[in-house]
Every structure is written in C-alpha cells, then in structure tokens.
Amino acid sequence: MKISIEKAKQICTKSQYGEATWWELLQLNVYLLFSKECSDFSAKNKKLTSLCERAGLDTLSEDDKDDMKKKLKELS
C-alpha cells in the first residue's frame, strides 16, 4: 500500500477537488500519518484551494477559449 510522494501529492490535489476515489483517499491518509513533507504539502494545498474559492475567481468558458485559440492561430 506504500505510494510515492509524487503519487501522494497527486491524490492530495485530486481530493481537494473531490476527484479522488475512496481507495486513493485511504492510501493518502495512511501516507500522511508517516510523511511530514506530504502533510505540509496537504495543508498548503488545502489553504490555497480555500483562498481560490473565497476569491471568487472566474474562468473563461470553453467557447471563449476556442475563440481565443482561433484568433491566435490567425495571427501566427
């Protein structure tokens, strides 16, 4: 059940967005019990996610992104 720190960070990020499976969450929680470095990453990631949610950041719609891509292609 041991996972690498890279895998733990990936699962941590997925869990912040509700995309991690229960098995991944179990692996992550076991890993966090033993890894100070990953625990720090998890805490910082939670704080960053919270700040982004409170900031009310808006993103472009898919249509707007496609329009921008087309315009950039026309310019090149």
N, C-alpha and C. Protein backbone atom coordinates (compact mmCIF):
# COMPACT_ATOMS: atom_id res chain seq x y z
N MET A 1 0.82 -1.19 0.00
CA MET A 1 0.00 0.00 0.00
C MET A 1 0.87 1.26 0.00
N LYS A 2 2.17 1.10 0.01
CA LYS A 2 3.06 2.25 0.00
C LYS A 2 2.99 2.96 -1.34
N ILE A 3 2.94 4.29 -1.29
CA ILE A 3 2.90 5.10 -2.51
C ILE A 3 4.04 6.10 -2.46
N SER A 4 4.41 6.60 -3.63
CA SER A 4 5.48 7.59 -3.71
C SER A 4 4.94 8.96 -3.30
N ILE A 5 5.86 9.86 -3.01
CA ILE A 5 5.44 11.22 -2.63
C ILE A 5 4.75 11.91 -3.80
N GLU A 6 5.21 11.63 -5.02
CA GLU A 6 4.56 12.24 -6.19
C GLU A 6 3.11 11.78 -6.31
N LYS A 7 2.90 10.47 -6.09
CA LYS A 7 1.55 9.92 -6.15
C LYS A 7 0.70 10.51 -5.02
N ALA A 8 1.28 10.65 -3.83
CA ALA A 8 0.55 11.23 -2.70
C ALA A 8 0.14 12.66 -3.00
N LYS A 9 1.03 13.43 -3.60
CA LYS A 9 0.70 14.81 -3.94
C LYS A 9 -0.41 14.87 -4.99
N GLN A 10 -0.35 13.94 -5.95
CA GLN A 10 -1.38 13.88 -6.98
C GLN A 10 -2.74 13.56 -6.35
N ILE A 11 -2.77 12.59 -5.46
CA ILE A 11 -4.02 12.22 -4.80
C ILE A 11 -4.52 13.37 -3.93
N CYS A 12 -3.60 14.05 -3.26
CA CYS A 12 -3.97 15.19 -2.42
C CYS A 12 -4.67 16.26 -3.25
N THR A 13 -4.10 16.56 -4.40
CA THR A 13 -4.70 17.56 -5.27
C THR A 13 -6.07 17.09 -5.77
N LYS A 14 -6.17 15.82 -6.17
CA LYS A 14 -7.45 15.29 -6.62
C LYS A 14 -8.50 15.35 -5.50
N SER A 15 -8.07 15.08 -4.28
CA SER A 15 -9.03 15.08 -3.16
C SER A 15 -9.57 16.48 -2.89
N GLN A 16 -8.75 17.51 -3.15
CA GLN A 16 -9.20 18.88 -2.95
C GLN A 16 -10.36 19.24 -3.87
N TYR A 17 -10.42 18.58 -5.02
CA TYR A 17 -11.47 18.86 -6.00
C TYR A 17 -12.53 17.76 -6.04
N GLY A 18 -12.49 16.86 -5.06
CA GLY A 18 -13.49 15.80 -4.98
C GLY A 18 -13.36 14.75 -6.06
N GLU A 19 -12.17 14.57 -6.61
CA GLU A 19 -11.97 13.63 -7.71
C GLU A 19 -11.27 12.35 -7.28
N ALA A 20 -10.86 12.25 -6.03
CA ALA A 20 -10.13 11.07 -5.56
C ALA A 20 -11.11 9.96 -5.18
N THR A 21 -10.73 8.72 -5.47
CA THR A 21 -11.56 7.57 -5.09
C THR A 21 -11.37 7.29 -3.60
N TRP A 22 -12.22 6.46 -3.04
CA TRP A 22 -12.08 6.12 -1.62
C TRP A 22 -10.77 5.39 -1.37
N TRP A 23 -10.33 4.57 -2.32
CA TRP A 23 -9.07 3.84 -2.17
C TRP A 23 -7.88 4.81 -2.17
N GLU A 24 -7.92 5.80 -3.04
CA GLU A 24 -6.86 6.80 -3.08
C GLU A 24 -6.84 7.61 -1.77
N LEU A 25 -8.02 7.94 -1.26
CA LEU A 25 -8.08 8.69 0.00
C LEU A 25 -7.53 7.87 1.16
N LEU A 26 -7.81 6.57 1.15
CA LEU A 26 -7.26 5.69 2.19
C LEU A 26 -5.74 5.65 2.10
N GLN A 27 -5.22 5.48 0.88
CA GLN A 27 -3.78 5.46 0.69
C GLN A 27 -3.16 6.78 1.16
N LEU A 28 -3.78 7.88 0.80
CA LEU A 28 -3.26 9.19 1.17
C LEU A 28 -3.25 9.37 2.69
N ASN A 29 -4.33 9.01 3.35
CA ASN A 29 -4.40 9.19 4.80
C ASN A 29 -3.37 8.34 5.53
N VAL A 30 -3.14 7.13 5.06
CA VAL A 30 -2.09 6.29 5.66
C VAL A 30 -0.74 6.94 5.42
N TYR A 31 -0.53 7.43 4.22
CA TYR A 31 0.75 8.07 3.89
C TYR A 31 0.98 9.32 4.74
N LEU A 32 -0.07 10.10 4.94
CA LEU A 32 0.05 11.34 5.71
C LEU A 32 0.42 11.08 7.17
N LEU A 33 0.05 9.91 7.68
CA LEU A 33 0.41 9.57 9.05
C LEU A 33 1.92 9.49 9.24
N PHE A 34 2.63 9.11 8.18
CA PHE A 34 4.06 8.85 8.29
C PHE A 34 4.94 9.87 7.59
N SER A 35 4.39 10.74 6.79
CA SER A 35 5.20 11.66 5.99
C SER A 35 4.96 13.11 6.38
N LYS A 36 5.94 13.72 6.99
CA LYS A 36 5.85 15.14 7.38
C LYS A 36 5.80 16.02 6.13
N GLU A 37 6.64 15.70 5.14
CA GLU A 37 6.69 16.52 3.92
C GLU A 37 5.34 16.56 3.22
N CYS A 38 4.71 15.42 3.09
CA CYS A 38 3.42 15.37 2.39
C CYS A 38 2.32 16.00 3.24
N SER A 39 2.43 15.89 4.55
CA SER A 39 1.46 16.55 5.42
C SER A 39 1.51 18.06 5.24
N ASP A 40 2.73 18.59 5.13
CA ASP A 40 2.90 20.03 4.88
C ASP A 40 2.30 20.42 3.53
N PHE A 41 2.57 19.61 2.50
CA PHE A 41 2.02 19.86 1.16
C PHE A 41 0.50 19.87 1.22
N SER A 42 -0.07 18.90 1.91
CA SER A 42 -1.52 18.79 2.01
C SER A 42 -2.12 20.02 2.68
N ALA A 43 -1.50 20.48 3.76
CA ALA A 43 -2.00 21.65 4.46
C ALA A 43 -1.93 22.90 3.58
N LYS A 44 -0.82 23.06 2.86
CA LYS A 44 -0.67 24.23 1.97
C LYS A 44 -1.66 24.16 0.82
N ASN A 45 -1.88 22.96 0.30
CA ASN A 45 -2.81 22.78 -0.82
C ASN A 45 -4.24 23.11 -0.38
N LYS A 46 -4.62 22.68 0.82
CA LYS A 46 -5.96 23.00 1.34
C LYS A 46 -6.13 24.51 1.49
N LYS A 47 -5.09 25.16 2.00
CA LYS A 47 -5.15 26.61 2.19
C LYS A 47 -5.28 27.33 0.85
N LEU A 48 -4.50 26.90 -0.14
CA LEU A 48 -4.56 27.51 -1.47
C LEU A 48 -5.94 27.32 -2.10
N THR A 49 -6.48 26.12 -1.99
CA THR A 49 -7.81 25.85 -2.53
C THR A 49 -8.85 26.73 -1.86
N SER A 50 -8.75 26.87 -0.55
CA SER A 50 -9.69 27.71 0.19
C SER A 50 -9.60 29.17 -0.25
N LEU A 51 -8.38 29.66 -0.42
CA LEU A 51 -8.19 31.05 -0.86
C LEU A 51 -8.76 31.27 -2.26
N CYS A 52 -8.54 30.32 -3.14
CA CYS A 52 -9.06 30.44 -4.52
C CYS A 52 -10.59 30.44 -4.52
N GLU A 53 -11.19 29.60 -3.69
CA GLU A 53 -12.65 29.56 -3.62
C GLU A 53 -13.21 30.86 -3.07
N ARG A 54 -12.57 31.42 -2.05
CA ARG A 54 -13.05 32.67 -1.46
C ARG A 54 -12.84 33.86 -2.38
N ALA A 55 -11.85 33.77 -3.26
CA ALA A 55 -11.56 34.89 -4.16
C ALA A 55 -12.62 35.03 -5.24
N GLY A 56 -13.40 33.98 -5.45
CA GLY A 56 -14.45 34.04 -6.47
C GLY A 56 -13.88 34.22 -7.87
N LEU A 57 -12.81 33.50 -8.16
CA LEU A 57 -12.16 33.62 -9.46
C LEU A 57 -13.07 33.12 -10.57
N ASP A 58 -13.08 33.84 -11.66
CA ASP A 58 -13.85 33.43 -12.83
C ASP A 58 -12.89 32.94 -13.91
N THR A 59 -13.35 31.98 -14.69
CA THR A 59 -12.55 31.48 -15.80
C THR A 59 -13.32 31.65 -17.09
N LEU A 60 -12.61 31.56 -18.17
CA LEU A 60 -13.25 31.68 -19.48
C LEU A 60 -14.08 30.44 -19.78
N SER A 61 -15.16 30.63 -20.49
CA SER A 61 -15.95 29.49 -20.93
C SER A 61 -15.19 28.77 -22.04
N GLU A 62 -15.60 27.56 -22.33
CA GLU A 62 -14.94 26.79 -23.39
C GLU A 62 -15.07 27.49 -24.73
N ASP A 63 -16.22 28.12 -24.98
CA ASP A 63 -16.42 28.85 -26.24
C ASP A 63 -15.45 30.02 -26.35
N ASP A 64 -15.29 30.75 -25.25
CA ASP A 64 -14.34 31.88 -25.26
C ASP A 64 -12.91 31.40 -25.49
N LYS A 65 -12.56 30.27 -24.88
CA LYS A 65 -11.22 29.71 -25.07
C LYS A 65 -11.00 29.33 -26.53
N ASP A 66 -12.01 28.69 -27.12
CA ASP A 66 -11.90 28.29 -28.53
C ASP A 66 -11.76 29.51 -29.43
N ASP A 67 -12.53 30.56 -29.15
CA ASP A 67 -12.42 31.80 -29.94
C ASP A 67 -11.02 32.39 -29.84
N MET A 68 -10.46 32.41 -28.64
CA MET A 68 -9.12 32.95 -28.46
C MET A 68 -8.08 32.12 -29.22
N LYS A 69 -8.24 30.80 -29.19
CA LYS A 69 -7.31 29.92 -29.91
C LYS A 69 -7.37 30.19 -31.41
N LYS A 70 -8.58 30.36 -31.93
CA LYS A 70 -8.74 30.64 -33.36
C LYS A 70 -8.08 31.96 -33.73
N LYS A 71 -8.29 32.97 -32.90
CA LYS A 71 -7.69 34.28 -33.18
C LYS A 71 -6.17 34.22 -33.12
N LEU A 72 -5.63 33.46 -32.18
CA LEU A 72 -4.18 33.32 -32.08
C LEU A 72 -3.60 32.60 -33.30
N LYS A 73 -4.33 31.59 -33.78
CA LYS A 73 -3.87 30.87 -34.98
C LYS A 73 -3.89 31.79 -36.20
N GLU A 74 -4.90 32.63 -36.27
CA GLU A 74 -4.99 33.56 -37.40
C GLU A 74 -3.84 34.57 -37.38
N LEU A 75 -3.40 34.95 -36.20
CA LEU A 75 -2.32 35.92 -36.07
C LEU A 75 -0.95 35.31 -36.39
N SER A 76 -0.81 34.00 -36.23
CA SER A 76 0.50 33.40 -36.48
C SER A 76 0.69 32.95 -37.89
